[in-house]
């Protein structure tokens, strides 16, 4: 594992916002608008640590599935090309181990889960009102009623719902495990930033200490045992 990873960022969100406002004002006044692409800068960030092996107690662990749905996965190549091939056999292992399984997505997608990972009778299902699936839902109540302390979090996307829901989970004193082969984002850059963010949110765990309490651990499906 290398010490640093090179990333490219637009040169300043604040600058971009002010530039956009200035261009809008110029357009209203009839002045020509400069629509040149934003400049890029190069910087270094710590490399994402390697995934680690974890052994989980099936009686206190739940699988939380986010947005493995047709509308998203049909338009995102990494969902069906990368995530689903890893998730399908892992779901079978989860079912065989008897874990609690929970699902979260928007109401319009609740009947559009990919068949390979679709809910079974008795699974927990929450209609999301935000990217954090704990926000304004009964997810925490349903999980705690079943004695859940650890969440395996999978789904689309690591820089969106997975990040925000992991923060919500840590705030409610869950330990979070994210198999890196079951989530992704729209680009390699966005995926890398997503993994970096989940390790540095809440009870930060940048060294990726296995099963650090109330923190995120990065692993892979083939590195999880029950």
Protein backbone atom coordinates (compact mmCIF):
# COMPACT_ATOMS: atom_id res chain seq x y z
CA UNK A 1 0.00 0.00 0.00
CA UNK A 2 1.45 3.37 -0.96
CA UNK A 3 1.54 6.16 1.56
CA UNK A 4 -0.24 8.72 -0.56
CA UNK A 5 -2.78 8.79 -3.34
CA UNK A 6 -2.89 11.59 -5.91
CA UNK A 7 -6.29 13.22 -6.39
CA UNK A 8 -7.53 16.02 -8.60
CA UNK A 9 -9.91 18.66 -7.29
CA UNK A 10 -11.55 21.71 -8.77
CA UNK A 11 -9.80 24.78 -7.43
CA UNK A 12 -12.16 25.79 -4.69
CA UNK A 13 -15.88 25.18 -4.16
CA UNK A 14 -16.31 28.68 -2.79
CA UNK A 15 -14.63 30.15 -5.87
CA UNK A 16 -16.90 28.11 -8.09
CA UNK A 17 -19.99 29.31 -6.26
CA UNK A 18 -18.95 32.95 -6.50
CA UNK A 19 -18.01 32.52 -10.16
CA UNK A 20 -21.42 31.02 -10.88
CA UNK A 21 -23.17 33.90 -9.18
CA UNK A 22 -21.09 36.41 -11.09
CA UNK A 23 -21.83 34.71 -14.42
CA UNK A 24 -25.55 34.68 -13.68
CA UNK A 25 -25.49 38.39 -12.89
CA UNK A 26 -23.53 39.15 -16.06
CA UNK A 27 -26.00 37.19 -18.15
CA UNK A 28 -28.91 39.15 -16.69
CA UNK A 29 -27.13 42.38 -17.64
CA UNK A 30 -26.45 41.19 -21.19
CA UNK A 31 -22.68 40.91 -20.74
CA UNK A 32 -20.75 37.98 -22.30
CA UNK A 33 -20.37 35.02 -19.96
CA UNK A 34 -17.06 33.20 -19.53
CA UNK A 35 -17.85 29.49 -19.41
CA UNK A 36 -14.28 28.18 -19.33
CA UNK A 37 -13.82 24.88 -17.53
CA UNK A 38 -12.63 25.20 -13.91
CA UNK A 39 -8.91 24.78 -13.36
CA UNK A 40 -7.66 21.60 -11.74
CA UNK A 41 -5.14 21.29 -8.94
CA UNK A 42 -3.13 18.29 -7.84
CA UNK A 43 -2.88 17.32 -4.21
CA UNK A 44 -1.97 14.30 -2.12
CA UNK A 45 -4.19 12.44 0.32
CA UNK A 46 -3.48 9.39 2.48
CA UNK A 47 -4.02 6.11 0.62
CA UNK A 48 -7.08 4.07 1.53
CA UNK A 49 -5.95 1.24 3.83
CA UNK A 50 -6.27 -2.36 2.73
CA UNK A 51 -9.47 -4.23 3.66
CA UNK A 52 -9.21 -6.39 6.78
CA UNK A 53 -10.67 -9.70 7.89
CA UNK A 54 -13.55 -9.63 10.37
CA UNK A 55 -15.50 -12.28 12.23
CA UNK A 56 -19.06 -11.25 13.08
CA UNK A 57 -21.65 -12.59 15.49
CA UNK A 58 -24.74 -13.43 13.40
CA UNK A 59 -27.01 -12.91 16.41
CA UNK A 60 -26.04 -9.24 16.82
CA UNK A 61 -25.21 -8.34 13.20
CA UNK A 62 -27.56 -7.12 10.48
CA UNK A 63 -27.10 -6.54 6.77
CA UNK A 64 -28.34 -3.14 5.57
CA UNK A 65 -28.97 -2.99 1.81
CA UNK A 66 -29.19 0.45 0.19
CA UNK A 67 -30.47 1.20 -3.32
CA UNK A 68 -29.70 -2.06 -5.13
CA UNK A 69 -32.59 -1.10 -7.39
CA UNK A 70 -33.26 -1.21 -11.12
CA UNK A 71 -33.38 2.53 -11.79
CA UNK A 72 -29.91 3.06 -10.31
CA UNK A 73 -28.14 -0.15 -11.26
CA UNK A 74 -29.33 -0.07 -14.88
CA UNK A 75 -27.59 3.28 -15.31
CA UNK A 76 -24.44 2.67 -13.26
CA UNK A 77 -22.05 0.12 -14.83
CA UNK A 78 -20.20 -0.60 -11.59
CA UNK A 79 -23.42 -1.66 -9.86
CA UNK A 80 -24.11 -4.68 -12.05
CA UNK A 81 -20.53 -5.13 -13.26
CA UNK A 82 -18.77 -5.01 -9.88
CA UNK A 83 -21.13 -4.82 -6.93
CA UNK A 84 -23.78 -7.37 -7.86
CA UNK A 85 -21.36 -10.24 -8.65
CA UNK A 86 -19.89 -9.83 -5.16
CA UNK A 87 -23.20 -9.23 -3.45
CA UNK A 88 -25.13 -12.20 -4.86
CA UNK A 89 -23.11 -15.01 -3.21
CA UNK A 90 -22.63 -12.90 -0.09
CA UNK A 91 -26.40 -12.52 0.27
CA UNK A 92 -26.73 -16.30 0.18
CA UNK A 93 -24.17 -16.59 2.98
CA UNK A 94 -25.99 -13.94 5.00
CA UNK A 95 -29.30 -15.78 4.63
CA UNK A 96 -27.73 -19.09 5.58
CA UNK A 97 -26.16 -17.53 8.68
CA UNK A 98 -29.55 -16.20 9.77
CA UNK A 99 -28.70 -12.51 9.94
CA UNK A 100 -31.33 -9.82 10.21
CA UNK A 101 -31.59 -8.08 6.81
CA UNK A 102 -32.86 -4.53 6.33
CA UNK A 103 -33.52 -2.52 3.18
CA UNK A 104 -33.72 1.20 2.54
CA UNK A 105 -34.62 3.13 -0.59
CA UNK A 106 -37.04 5.74 -1.85
CA UNK A 107 -40.72 4.86 -2.00
CA UNK A 108 -40.83 4.74 -5.80
CA UNK A 109 -38.05 2.12 -5.82
CA UNK A 110 -39.31 -0.12 -3.04
CA UNK A 111 -40.71 -2.66 -5.52
CA UNK A 112 -37.73 -2.46 -7.90
CA UNK A 113 -34.99 -4.30 -6.02
CA UNK A 114 -32.66 -6.41 -8.15
CA UNK A 115 -33.97 -9.97 -7.90
CA UNK A 116 -30.59 -11.35 -6.81
CA UNK A 117 -30.67 -9.34 -3.58
CA UNK A 118 -34.38 -8.64 -3.15
CA UNK A 119 -36.11 -8.61 0.25
CA UNK A 120 -37.55 -11.79 1.73
CA UNK A 121 -40.67 -11.99 3.90
CA UNK A 122 -39.93 -10.65 7.36
CA UNK A 123 -37.06 -8.38 6.33
CA UNK A 124 -37.00 -4.82 7.64
CA UNK A 125 -37.88 -2.22 5.00
CA UNK A 126 -37.69 1.55 5.44
CA UNK A 127 -38.71 4.24 2.99
CA UNK A 128 -35.92 6.78 2.95
CA UNK A 129 -36.53 10.47 3.48
CA UNK A 130 -32.83 11.39 3.20
CA UNK A 131 -29.52 9.80 2.29
CA UNK A 132 -29.13 8.88 5.97
CA UNK A 133 -31.62 6.01 6.21
CA UNK A 134 -31.93 6.51 9.96
CA UNK A 135 -33.25 10.04 9.50
CA UNK A 136 -36.98 10.25 10.17
CA UNK A 137 -37.46 6.45 9.89
CA UNK A 138 -37.95 3.59 12.35
CA UNK A 139 -34.75 1.83 11.28
CA UNK A 140 -32.95 2.32 14.61
CA UNK A 141 -35.98 1.15 16.58
CA UNK A 142 -36.39 -1.96 14.41
CA UNK A 143 -32.72 -2.91 14.66
CA UNK A 144 -32.42 -2.36 18.39
CA UNK A 145 -35.58 -4.42 18.95
CA UNK A 146 -33.64 -7.36 17.45
CA UNK A 147 -30.52 -6.74 19.53
CA UNK A 148 -28.39 -5.54 16.61
CA UNK A 149 -25.03 -3.94 17.46
CA UNK A 150 -23.10 -4.28 14.19
CA UNK A 151 -24.22 -3.32 10.68
CA UNK A 152 -22.83 -4.64 7.41
CA UNK A 153 -23.62 -1.80 5.02
CA UNK A 154 -23.82 -2.38 1.25
CA UNK A 155 -25.24 -0.56 -1.74
CA UNK A 156 -25.21 2.57 -3.85
CA UNK A 157 -23.29 4.73 -3.33
CA UNK A 158 -20.29 4.94 -1.06
CA UNK A 159 -19.99 8.72 -1.43
CA UNK A 160 -23.71 9.24 -0.80
CA UNK A 161 -26.17 7.07 1.12
CA UNK A 162 -23.50 4.70 2.45
CA UNK A 163 -21.50 7.60 3.90
CA UNK A 164 -24.47 9.39 5.43
CA UNK A 165 -26.09 6.23 6.78
CA UNK A 166 -22.81 5.09 8.33
CA UNK A 167 -22.59 8.41 10.16
CA UNK A 168 -26.17 7.97 11.35
CA UNK A 169 -25.33 4.46 12.52
CA UNK A 170 -22.25 5.54 14.45
CA UNK A 171 -24.22 8.33 16.10
CA UNK A 172 -26.57 5.60 17.37
CA UNK A 173 -23.68 3.50 18.69
CA UNK A 174 -23.51 0.84 15.97
CA UNK A 175 -20.26 -0.59 14.69
CA UNK A 176 -20.25 -0.49 10.88
CA UNK A 177 -18.63 -2.91 8.44
CA UNK A 178 -18.47 -1.97 4.75
CA UNK A 179 -17.40 -4.62 2.20
CA UNK A 180 -15.59 -2.58 -0.43
CA UNK A 181 -16.69 -4.86 -3.27
CA UNK A 182 -20.39 -4.24 -2.57
CA UNK A 183 -20.41 -0.48 -3.03
CA UNK A 184 -19.07 2.05 -5.50
CA UNK A 185 -19.79 5.46 -7.02
CA UNK A 186 -19.93 7.16 -10.40
CA UNK A 187 -16.15 7.47 -10.83
CA UNK A 188 -12.93 6.15 -9.35
CA UNK A 189 -12.26 9.54 -7.80
CA UNK A 190 -15.68 9.67 -6.14
CA UNK A 191 -15.31 6.10 -4.89
CA UNK A 192 -11.92 6.83 -3.32
CA UNK A 193 -13.22 9.97 -1.61
CA UNK A 194 -16.21 7.96 -0.34
CA UNK A 195 -14.02 5.34 1.32
CA UNK A 196 -11.81 8.03 2.81
CA UNK A 197 -14.83 9.87 4.20
CA UNK A 198 -16.42 6.84 5.87
CA UNK A 199 -13.19 6.04 7.68
CA UNK A 200 -12.82 9.63 8.88
CA UNK A 201 -16.40 10.28 9.94
CA UNK A 202 -17.79 9.82 13.43
CA UNK A 203 -15.41 7.76 15.54
CA UNK A 204 -12.65 7.98 12.92
CA UNK A 205 -10.73 4.82 11.99
CA UNK A 206 -8.24 5.80 9.27
CA UNK A 207 -5.86 2.91 10.16
CA UNK A 208 -8.84 0.57 9.55
CA UNK A 209 -8.58 -1.20 12.89
CA UNK A 210 -10.83 -4.28 12.62
CA UNK A 211 -14.18 -3.75 14.32
CA UNK A 212 -13.24 -0.60 16.17
CA UNK A 213 -16.36 0.12 18.29
CA UNK A 214 -18.77 2.70 16.88
CA UNK A 215 -16.57 3.20 13.83
CA UNK A 216 -16.34 1.97 10.23
CA UNK A 217 -14.22 -1.00 9.17
CA UNK A 218 -13.47 -1.61 5.49
CA UNK A 219 -13.39 -5.25 4.40
CA UNK A 220 -14.41 -7.48 1.46
CA UNK A 221 -17.13 -10.10 1.23
CA UNK A 222 -14.58 -12.91 1.07
CA UNK A 223 -12.94 -11.60 4.25
CA UNK A 224 -16.11 -11.79 6.39
CA UNK A 225 -16.88 -14.87 8.46
CA UNK A 226 -19.78 -15.59 10.81
